[in-house]
C-alpha atoms as a PDB file:
ATOM      1  CA  MET A   1      20.279  14.791  19.438  1.00  0.00           C
ATOM      2  CA  GLN A   2      18.378  11.655  18.523  1.00  0.00           C
ATOM      3  CA  ASN A   3      19.951   8.797  16.636  1.00  0.00           C
ATOM      4  CA  PRO A   4      18.673   9.070  13.014  1.00  0.00           C
ATOM      5  CA  TYR A   5      18.990   5.298  12.548  1.00  0.00           C
ATOM      6  CA  VAL A   6      16.454   4.357  15.229  1.00  0.00           C
ATOM      7  CA  PRO A   7      13.143   3.631  13.470  1.00  0.00           C
ATOM      8  CA  TYR A   8       9.780   5.103  14.425  1.00  0.00           C
ATOM      9  CA  ARG A   9       7.050   2.575  15.228  1.00  0.00           C
ATOM     10  CA  ALA A  10       4.152   2.503  12.797  1.00  0.00           C
ATOM     11  CA  GLU A  11       1.133   0.329  12.126  1.00  0.00           C
ATOM     12  CA  ILE A  12      -0.015  -0.835   8.707  1.00  0.00           C
ATOM     13  CA  VAL A  13      -3.517   0.496   8.038  1.00  0.00           C
ATOM     14  CA  GLU A  14      -3.929  -0.570   4.393  1.00  0.00           C
ATOM     15  CA  ILE A  15      -2.277  -2.937   1.918  1.00  0.00           C
ATOM     16  CA  ARG A  16      -3.073  -2.467  -1.766  1.00  0.00           C
ATOM     17  CA  ASP A  17      -2.083  -4.914  -4.510  1.00  0.00           C
ATOM     18  CA  GLU A  18      -0.677  -2.917  -7.423  1.00  0.00           C
ATOM     19  CA  VAL A  19       0.436  -5.880  -9.577  1.00  0.00           C
ATOM     20  CA  LYS A  20      -0.483  -9.528  -9.086  1.00  0.00           C
ATOM     21  CA  GLY A  21       1.425 -12.537 -10.309  1.00  0.00           C
ATOM     22  CA  PRO A  22       4.585 -14.403  -9.349  1.00  0.00           C
ATOM     23  CA  ARG A  23       6.306 -11.150  -8.240  1.00  0.00           C
ATOM     24  CA  PRO A  24       3.514  -9.002  -6.765  1.00  0.00           C
ATOM     25  CA  ILE A  25       3.957  -5.306  -6.039  1.00  0.00           C
ATOM     26  CA  LYS A  26       2.140  -3.911  -3.007  1.00  0.00           C
ATOM     27  CA  THR A  27       1.631  -0.444  -1.560  1.00  0.00           C
ATOM     28  CA  PHE A  28       1.538  -0.123   2.228  1.00  0.00           C
ATOM     29  CA  LYS A  29      -0.213   2.779   3.979  1.00  0.00           C
ATOM     30  CA  VAL A  30       1.143   3.271   7.500  1.00  0.00           C
ATOM     31  CA  ARG A  31       0.278   5.405  10.520  1.00  0.00           C
ATOM     32  CA  LEU A  32       2.874   6.457  13.074  1.00  0.00           C
ATOM     33  CA  VAL A  33       2.181   5.186  16.596  1.00  0.00           C
ATOM     34  CA  ASP A  34       3.616   8.310  18.283  1.00  0.00           C
ATOM     35  CA  ARG A  35       3.141  11.201  15.838  1.00  0.00           C
ATOM     36  CA  GLU A  36       4.461  13.833  18.274  1.00  0.00           C
ATOM     37  CA  ARG A  37       7.943  12.252  18.330  1.00  0.00           C
ATOM     38  CA  PHE A  38       8.282  12.325  14.530  1.00  0.00           C
ATOM     39  CA  ASP A  39       9.966  15.472  13.249  1.00  0.00           C
ATOM     40  CA  TYR A  40      11.261  16.415   9.832  1.00  0.00           C
ATOM     41  CA  LYS A  41      12.823  19.350   8.057  1.00  0.00           C
ATOM     42  CA  SER A  42      11.489  20.519   4.711  1.00  0.00           C
ATOM     43  CA  GLY A  43      13.685  19.574   1.792  1.00  0.00           C
ATOM     44  CA  GLN A  44      14.358  16.043   3.020  1.00  0.00           C
END
């Protein structure tokens, strides 16, 4: 069983500014480096 607290490596492919100003809000689009290792169960 893998440790659920170990993060999966990912690279940022896009950064979008949602709100500008003194406290900006950004959306990050990421891509997993090793997609085969990532596994999930529906309902999570």
